[in-house]
Amino acid sequence: MYKLEPVVADNGELIIYAPHISEIALAHGKIIRQIGYHTRDFFLKQWDKYKKYPWGVVAHSTHVRGIGEYENGVEKCRVRVTLATGIPEEVCKQINLGYSDTASINPEDYAGREDEGILLVPHAGEMLYKLADPPAWQRFE
């Protein structure tokens, strides 16, 4: 997710299509089931509640969830993250991610649709993506 988030439009959706995945992170899935996937601000603005968890797992959570805000008890994520995996829908909801049935997705249906604002990225985890002219939230000046 974090490798492609920079090229997803605000309020866009990033679908992680990986039918072979049937478990949340093997090393720390138990903790992720407790805390879910959230934005950095979600944790920082409630740090007393979450500081007891391993900070590396909290960081992993924010990398999967992406950029967003947390104000007045409401989390606003910049993009939607949907899992199309072997992870059940109820688990996706529990961990604060969207769900799509892998049987309803043919990845090739997304190919060649860049003019529509749809991008298919095979083997997406292999590269880090960025926009040539990034929005202000991505600039490091």
Protein backbone atom coordinates (compact mmCIF):
# COMPACT_ATOMS: atom_id res chain seq x y z
CA MET A 1 0.00 0.00 0.00
CA TYR A 2 2.62 2.55 1.00
CA LYS A 3 4.49 2.01 -2.26
CA LEU A 4 1.48 2.95 -4.39
CA GLU A 5 -0.34 5.44 -2.17
CA PRO A 6 1.50 8.42 -3.69
CA VAL A 7 -0.16 7.81 -7.08
CA VAL A 8 -3.70 7.25 -5.77
CA ALA A 9 -6.03 10.25 -6.00
CA ASP A 10 -7.59 11.72 -2.86
CA ASN A 11 -10.63 9.61 -1.94
CA GLY A 12 -9.43 6.96 -4.40
CA GLU A 13 -9.22 3.26 -3.73
CA LEU A 14 -6.24 0.94 -3.69
CA ILE A 15 -7.18 -2.72 -4.07
CA ILE A 16 -4.63 -5.23 -2.89
CA TYR A 17 -5.35 -8.29 -5.01
CA ALA A 18 -3.57 -11.30 -3.55
CA PRO A 19 -5.80 -14.38 -3.42
CA HIS A 20 -2.94 -16.44 -1.96
CA ILE A 21 -2.85 -14.38 1.26
CA SER A 22 -5.06 -15.91 3.92
CA GLU A 23 -3.57 -14.43 7.09
CA ILE A 24 -2.83 -10.97 8.41
CA ALA A 25 0.90 -10.55 9.01
CA LEU A 26 2.06 -13.85 10.51
CA ALA A 27 4.57 -12.21 12.84
CA HIS A 28 2.18 -9.70 14.41
CA GLY A 29 -1.32 -10.55 13.21
CA LYS A 30 -2.60 -11.00 16.76
CA ILE A 31 -1.68 -7.42 17.61
CA ILE A 32 -3.05 -6.07 14.32
CA ARG A 33 -6.36 -7.77 15.13
CA GLN A 34 -6.36 -5.80 18.39
CA ILE A 35 -5.37 -2.38 17.05
CA GLY A 36 -6.39 -2.55 13.38
CA TYR A 37 -4.92 -0.54 10.53
CA HIS A 38 -5.09 3.21 11.08
CA THR A 39 -3.52 6.51 10.14
CA ARG A 40 -0.60 7.93 12.08
CA ASP A 41 -2.78 10.64 13.63
CA PHE A 42 -5.22 8.02 14.93
CA PHE A 43 -2.45 6.58 17.09
CA LEU A 44 -0.66 9.81 17.98
CA LYS A 45 -3.81 11.54 19.19
CA GLN A 46 -4.59 8.53 21.39
CA TRP A 47 -1.02 7.66 22.30
CA ASP A 48 -1.76 6.79 25.94
CA LYS A 49 -4.05 4.04 24.69
CA TYR A 50 -1.63 2.61 22.10
CA LYS A 51 1.89 3.23 23.46
CA LYS A 52 1.91 -0.19 25.14
CA TYR A 53 1.88 -1.96 21.77
CA PRO A 54 5.14 -2.68 19.92
CA TRP A 55 5.94 0.49 18.04
CA GLY A 56 7.10 -1.41 14.96
CA VAL A 57 3.65 -2.99 14.69
CA VAL A 58 1.98 0.40 15.11
CA ALA A 59 4.24 1.75 12.35
CA HIS A 60 3.31 -1.21 10.11
CA SER A 61 -0.36 -0.42 10.73
CA THR A 62 0.09 3.16 9.51
CA HIS A 63 2.03 2.03 6.43
CA VAL A 64 -0.85 -0.18 5.34
CA ARG A 65 -3.54 2.40 6.16
CA GLY A 66 -1.82 5.46 4.75
CA ILE A 67 -2.19 9.16 5.25
CA GLY A 68 -5.15 10.70 7.00
CA GLU A 69 -6.43 12.70 9.93
CA TYR A 70 -8.04 11.97 13.26
CA GLU A 71 -10.18 14.75 14.72
CA ASN A 72 -12.93 14.63 17.33
CA GLY A 73 -12.91 10.84 17.39
CA VAL A 74 -13.30 10.53 13.61
CA GLU A 75 -10.64 9.05 11.35
CA LYS A 76 -10.53 10.42 7.81
CA CYS A 77 -8.29 8.40 5.52
CA ARG A 78 -6.98 9.91 2.28
CA VAL A 79 -7.61 6.69 0.32
CA ARG A 80 -9.64 3.53 0.77
CA VAL A 81 -7.67 0.32 1.13
CA THR A 82 -9.49 -2.82 0.04
CA LEU A 83 -8.21 -6.36 0.43
CA ALA A 84 -9.08 -8.88 -2.26
CA THR A 85 -7.39 -11.79 -0.53
CA GLY A 86 -8.25 -14.99 1.26
CA ILE A 87 -8.80 -12.98 4.46
CA PRO A 88 -12.50 -13.13 5.40
CA GLU A 89 -14.70 -10.04 5.16
CA GLU A 90 -15.37 -9.94 8.91
CA VAL A 91 -11.62 -9.84 9.61
CA CYS A 92 -11.12 -7.04 7.06
CA LYS A 93 -13.81 -5.00 8.81
CA GLN A 94 -12.30 -5.78 12.22
CA ILE A 95 -8.91 -4.44 11.13
CA ASN A 96 -10.35 -1.33 9.44
CA LEU A 97 -9.83 -2.32 5.79
CA GLY A 98 -12.28 -2.83 2.96
CA TYR A 99 -13.09 -6.24 1.52
CA SER A 100 -13.67 -7.55 -1.98
CA ASP A 101 -14.28 -11.14 -2.98
CA THR A 102 -11.41 -12.31 -5.19
CA ALA A 103 -13.88 -14.22 -7.37
CA SER A 104 -15.46 -10.89 -8.36
CA ILE A 105 -12.16 -9.47 -9.65
CA ASN A 106 -10.35 -10.22 -12.88
CA PRO A 107 -7.16 -8.15 -12.70
CA GLU A 108 -6.98 -7.91 -16.49
CA ASP A 109 -10.27 -5.97 -16.45
CA TYR A 110 -8.23 -3.10 -14.95
CA ALA A 111 -5.49 -3.13 -17.59
CA GLY A 112 -5.15 -0.28 -20.08
CA ARG A 113 -7.61 2.02 -18.31
CA GLU A 114 -5.28 4.80 -17.26
CA ASP A 115 -7.39 7.37 -19.18
CA GLU A 116 -10.22 6.46 -16.79
CA GLY A 117 -8.01 7.00 -13.75
CA ILE A 118 -7.57 3.25 -13.19
CA LEU A 119 -4.11 1.77 -12.94
CA LEU A 120 -3.22 -1.92 -12.80
CA VAL A 121 0.20 -2.52 -11.26
CA PRO A 122 1.32 -6.16 -11.43
CA HIS A 123 3.87 -7.04 -8.75
CA ALA A 124 3.21 -3.67 -7.12
CA GLY A 125 5.32 -4.36 -4.05
CA GLU A 126 8.50 -4.45 -6.10
CA MET A 127 8.73 -0.70 -6.74
CA LEU A 128 8.12 2.58 -4.95
CA TYR A 129 5.95 4.97 -6.97
CA LYS A 130 5.67 8.77 -6.94
CA LEU A 131 4.09 11.48 -9.05
CA ALA A 132 6.32 13.65 -11.23
CA ASP A 133 4.60 16.74 -9.79
CA PRO A 134 3.52 15.67 -6.30
CA PRO A 135 0.78 17.36 -4.30
CA ALA A 136 1.80 19.53 -1.35
CA TRP A 137 1.41 16.73 1.22
CA GLN A 138 4.12 14.75 -0.59
CA ARG A 139 6.71 17.49 -0.94
CA PHE A 140 9.75 17.51 1.28
CA GLU A 141 11.09 21.02 0.96
